């Protein structure tokens, strides 16, 4: 009887040790590292853009633009937990540049779901124009005049994504594109023809052609388009 009891105790002890060993191994397999997530703001297809901003506005061509981004925010869920983190600012971003400047945050590796990325355009003073677009517009009389949009209000551009995998093997970039057709939604060539000219050009701001300004302002929050790019690290990187 004593021998049987010792055997049972031994089996139980070995089973517990085996279970503890399995648990420890599982913990190591999900241990977090870190991964870099970068942010950019640009005009959609800005590097090659030479076409009207909208099919409904023939003759309108945006050719240059700059932005001052106060910050980017990243909101998501990872392992069922809500995550929110903010980046540093980006100043004087060339929206039509070949390689827009970036800012970034560092996150734990893992799969992130229900993602929202928001670019904050804050008008902090009268000297700061957080978004400026310039181009040309051909009037109904056939004359080409310069056109300029100056954002003089706070605005947000938000994009969403279902999920991304930050596994530490690549730097993932969230490229927030400004879709110009969405930005000019609800505005026609006839509207631009009716705009008041300043020094021979169309200026759209809070104080000039404000009826057009507030139409564009209302479109900014929904003009974003998300693109995600992965830049894989070289094998020699640490």
Protein backbone atom coordinates (compact mmCIF):
# COMPACT_ATOMS: atom_id res chain seq x y z
CA UNK A 1 0.00 0.00 0.00
CA UNK A 2 2.85 2.35 0.83
CA UNK A 3 4.42 1.64 -2.53
CA UNK A 4 1.18 2.52 -4.33
CA UNK A 5 0.86 5.84 -2.47
CA UNK A 6 4.43 6.82 -3.31
CA UNK A 7 3.83 5.97 -6.99
CA UNK A 8 0.65 8.10 -7.11
CA UNK A 9 2.39 11.05 -5.45
CA UNK A 10 5.28 10.74 -7.88
CA UNK A 11 2.94 10.75 -10.90
CA UNK A 12 1.09 13.84 -9.61
CA UNK A 13 4.37 15.67 -8.98
CA UNK A 14 5.63 14.91 -12.46
CA UNK A 15 2.32 16.07 -13.99
CA UNK A 16 2.47 19.40 -12.13
CA UNK A 17 6.08 19.92 -13.18
CA UNK A 18 5.16 19.19 -16.78
CA UNK A 19 2.27 21.68 -16.71
CA UNK A 20 4.47 24.39 -15.20
CA UNK A 21 7.09 23.77 -17.85
CA UNK A 22 4.51 24.12 -20.64
CA UNK A 23 3.17 27.37 -19.17
CA UNK A 24 6.62 28.89 -18.99
CA UNK A 25 7.31 27.98 -22.61
CA UNK A 26 4.00 29.55 -23.71
CA UNK A 27 4.86 32.79 -21.90
CA UNK A 28 8.16 33.08 -23.77
CA UNK A 29 6.44 32.61 -27.14
CA UNK A 30 4.21 35.69 -26.72
CA UNK A 31 6.79 37.96 -25.11
CA UNK A 32 6.59 41.47 -26.60
CA UNK A 33 9.31 43.27 -28.52
CA UNK A 34 9.01 46.72 -30.04
CA UNK A 35 8.13 47.95 -33.50
CA UNK A 36 8.21 51.37 -35.14
CA UNK A 37 5.10 52.90 -36.69
CA UNK A 38 5.71 55.97 -38.85
CA UNK A 39 3.22 58.59 -40.04
CA UNK A 40 3.12 60.68 -43.20
CA UNK A 41 0.69 63.21 -44.64
CA UNK A 42 0.55 63.77 -48.40
CA UNK A 43 -1.74 64.47 -51.30
CA UNK A 44 -3.05 61.30 -52.93
CA UNK A 45 -0.84 60.58 -55.97
CA UNK A 46 0.86 63.87 -55.19
CA UNK A 47 4.17 62.96 -56.83
CA UNK A 48 2.54 62.75 -60.25
CA UNK A 49 -0.58 64.86 -59.81
CA UNK A 50 -1.24 66.98 -62.90
CA UNK A 51 -4.95 66.45 -63.35
CA UNK A 52 -8.04 68.29 -62.11
CA UNK A 53 -8.87 67.74 -58.46
CA UNK A 54 -12.34 66.59 -59.38
CA UNK A 55 -14.14 65.54 -62.55
CA UNK A 56 -16.86 68.00 -61.55
CA UNK A 57 -14.36 70.89 -61.60
CA UNK A 58 -12.78 70.95 -65.05
CA UNK A 59 -9.87 73.36 -65.27
CA UNK A 60 -8.86 73.09 -61.60
CA UNK A 61 -5.34 71.80 -60.97
CA UNK A 62 -3.67 71.78 -57.56
CA UNK A 63 0.12 71.83 -58.02
CA UNK A 64 1.61 72.53 -54.57
CA UNK A 65 0.75 72.37 -50.91
CA UNK A 66 2.17 72.43 -47.41
CA UNK A 67 0.89 71.34 -44.02
CA UNK A 68 1.84 71.80 -40.39
CA UNK A 69 0.69 68.75 -38.46
CA UNK A 70 0.39 69.34 -34.72
CA UNK A 71 0.46 65.59 -34.04
CA UNK A 72 -0.77 62.19 -35.19
CA UNK A 73 -2.82 60.02 -32.88
CA UNK A 74 -3.01 56.24 -33.13
CA UNK A 75 -5.95 54.43 -31.52
CA UNK A 76 -6.45 50.67 -31.69
CA UNK A 77 -7.09 47.49 -29.71
CA UNK A 78 -4.40 44.90 -28.99
CA UNK A 79 -5.21 41.69 -27.13
CA UNK A 80 -8.57 43.21 -26.24
CA UNK A 81 -7.00 46.31 -24.66
CA UNK A 82 -7.50 49.85 -26.00
CA UNK A 83 -4.29 51.63 -27.02
CA UNK A 84 -3.87 55.36 -27.67
CA UNK A 85 -0.56 57.04 -28.42
CA UNK A 86 0.48 60.36 -29.97
CA UNK A 87 3.43 61.36 -32.13
CA UNK A 88 5.52 64.51 -32.32
CA UNK A 89 4.56 67.26 -34.73
CA UNK A 90 5.57 67.65 -38.39
CA UNK A 91 6.23 71.14 -39.69
CA UNK A 92 6.20 72.48 -43.24
CA UNK A 93 5.33 69.17 -44.88
CA UNK A 94 5.59 69.29 -48.69
CA UNK A 95 2.38 67.49 -49.58
CA UNK A 96 3.43 66.98 -53.19
CA UNK A 97 6.99 65.90 -52.35
CA UNK A 98 8.49 62.64 -53.56
CA UNK A 99 9.50 61.68 -50.01
CA UNK A 100 7.29 63.39 -47.41
CA UNK A 101 8.87 63.75 -43.98
CA UNK A 102 7.75 61.38 -41.25
CA UNK A 103 7.32 61.16 -37.53
CA UNK A 104 6.91 57.94 -35.58
CA UNK A 105 5.93 56.16 -32.37
CA UNK A 106 7.26 52.94 -30.85
CA UNK A 107 4.73 50.23 -30.00
CA UNK A 108 4.81 46.70 -28.62
CA UNK A 109 4.76 44.05 -31.31
CA UNK A 110 1.45 42.38 -31.99
CA UNK A 111 -1.69 42.51 -34.08
CA UNK A 112 -3.62 45.76 -33.72
CA UNK A 113 -7.31 45.97 -34.63
CA UNK A 114 -10.01 48.65 -35.03
CA UNK A 115 -7.37 51.21 -35.97
CA UNK A 116 -7.89 54.96 -36.23
CA UNK A 117 -5.12 57.34 -37.27
CA UNK A 118 -5.83 61.06 -37.01
CA UNK A 119 -3.76 63.98 -38.31
CA UNK A 120 -4.29 67.13 -36.24
CA UNK A 121 -4.17 70.41 -38.15
CA UNK A 122 -4.30 73.18 -35.54
CA UNK A 123 -4.50 76.86 -36.32
CA UNK A 124 -2.66 78.14 -33.26
CA UNK A 125 -2.04 81.74 -34.39
CA UNK A 126 -2.73 84.13 -37.22
CA UNK A 127 0.73 83.38 -38.63
CA UNK A 128 0.19 79.63 -38.81
CA UNK A 129 -1.57 78.11 -41.82
CA UNK A 130 -1.86 74.38 -41.05
CA UNK A 131 -2.90 73.53 -44.63
CA UNK A 132 -2.19 75.51 -47.79
CA UNK A 133 -2.90 74.47 -51.38
CA UNK A 134 -2.04 76.40 -54.54
CA UNK A 135 -2.76 75.77 -58.18
CA UNK A 136 -4.57 77.17 -61.20
CA UNK A 137 -8.13 77.40 -62.45
CA UNK A 138 -9.30 78.04 -66.00
CA UNK A 139 -12.39 80.24 -65.96
CA UNK A 140 -15.34 79.87 -68.31
CA UNK A 141 -13.83 82.69 -70.39
CA UNK A 142 -10.72 80.58 -70.96
CA UNK A 143 -8.45 82.64 -68.70
CA UNK A 144 -6.15 80.74 -66.32
CA UNK A 145 -5.90 82.32 -62.86
CA UNK A 146 -4.02 81.26 -59.73
CA UNK A 147 -6.04 79.69 -56.92
CA UNK A 148 -5.10 79.30 -53.26
CA UNK A 149 -6.74 77.67 -50.24
CA UNK A 150 -5.62 78.72 -46.74
CA UNK A 151 -6.92 76.73 -43.77
CA UNK A 152 -7.51 79.14 -40.90
CA UNK A 153 -9.30 76.77 -38.52
CA UNK A 154 -8.57 73.62 -36.54
CA UNK A 155 -9.23 70.47 -38.56
CA UNK A 156 -8.79 66.70 -38.26
CA UNK A 157 -8.16 64.12 -40.98
CA UNK A 158 -9.08 60.62 -39.78
CA UNK A 159 -8.48 57.30 -41.51
CA UNK A 160 -9.33 53.77 -40.39
CA UNK A 161 -7.97 50.27 -40.89
CA UNK A 162 -9.25 46.86 -39.76
CA UNK A 163 -5.91 45.48 -38.53
CA UNK A 164 -2.13 45.64 -38.94
CA UNK A 165 0.62 43.30 -37.78
CA UNK A 166 3.56 45.02 -36.09
CA UNK A 167 6.06 42.18 -35.75
CA UNK A 168 9.33 44.09 -35.44
CA UNK A 169 10.72 42.89 -38.78
CA UNK A 170 9.68 46.05 -40.64
CA UNK A 171 8.92 49.71 -40.08
CA UNK A 172 5.25 50.21 -40.93
CA UNK A 173 4.23 53.61 -42.30
CA UNK A 174 0.69 54.94 -42.08
CA UNK A 175 0.40 57.28 -45.05
CA UNK A 176 -2.56 59.60 -44.61
CA UNK A 177 -3.50 60.83 -48.10
CA UNK A 178 -5.61 63.90 -48.75
CA UNK A 179 -7.98 62.93 -51.56
CA UNK A 180 -8.47 66.16 -53.48
CA UNK A 181 -11.71 65.05 -55.12
CA UNK A 182 -13.25 64.53 -51.66
CA UNK A 183 -11.80 67.81 -50.42
CA UNK A 184 -13.62 69.71 -53.21
CA UNK A 185 -16.84 67.72 -52.96
CA UNK A 186 -19.92 69.88 -53.53
CA UNK A 187 -18.03 72.66 -55.33
CA UNK A 188 -18.41 73.20 -59.07
CA UNK A 189 -16.59 75.12 -61.78
CA UNK A 190 -19.51 77.55 -61.76
CA UNK A 191 -18.86 78.19 -58.06
CA UNK A 192 -15.21 79.01 -58.71
CA UNK A 193 -16.19 81.26 -61.61
CA UNK A 194 -18.31 83.28 -59.16
CA UNK A 195 -15.44 83.68 -56.69
CA UNK A 196 -14.14 87.15 -55.90
CA UNK A 197 -10.65 87.75 -57.29
CA UNK A 198 -7.81 89.16 -55.20
CA UNK A 199 -4.93 90.59 -57.24
CA UNK A 200 -6.12 88.57 -60.22
CA UNK A 201 -6.39 85.24 -58.37
CA UNK A 202 -8.85 83.22 -56.30
CA UNK A 203 -8.04 83.16 -52.60
CA UNK A 204 -10.23 80.87 -50.47
CA UNK A 205 -9.95 81.61 -46.76
CA UNK A 206 -12.02 82.68 -43.77
CA UNK A 207 -11.87 86.27 -44.97
CA UNK A 208 -11.99 85.75 -48.76
CA UNK A 209 -14.67 83.72 -50.52
CA UNK A 210 -15.70 82.39 -47.13
CA UNK A 211 -18.74 80.59 -48.59
CA UNK A 212 -16.32 78.34 -50.50
CA UNK A 213 -13.99 78.11 -47.50
CA UNK A 214 -16.60 76.61 -45.18
CA UNK A 215 -17.63 74.07 -47.81
CA UNK A 216 -14.03 72.84 -48.04
CA UNK A 217 -13.62 72.96 -44.25
CA UNK A 218 -16.63 70.67 -43.86
CA UNK A 219 -15.02 68.18 -46.28
CA UNK A 220 -11.61 67.96 -44.58
CA UNK A 221 -12.53 65.40 -41.91
CA UNK A 222 -13.71 62.94 -44.56
CA UNK A 223 -11.08 63.55 -47.25
CA UNK A 224 -8.52 61.10 -45.87
CA UNK A 225 -7.41 57.88 -47.53
CA UNK A 226 -5.09 55.40 -45.80
CA UNK A 227 -2.17 53.58 -47.37
CA UNK A 228 0.08 51.25 -45.38
CA UNK A 229 3.67 50.55 -46.37
CA UNK A 230 6.23 48.13 -44.91
CA UNK A 231 9.97 48.80 -45.10
CA UNK A 232 11.64 45.55 -44.10
CA UNK A 233 14.84 45.73 -42.09
CA UNK A 234 18.08 44.46 -43.56
CA UNK A 235 19.27 41.12 -42.23
CA UNK A 236 22.29 42.85 -40.75
CA UNK A 237 20.16 45.21 -38.66
CA UNK A 238 19.97 44.68 -34.92
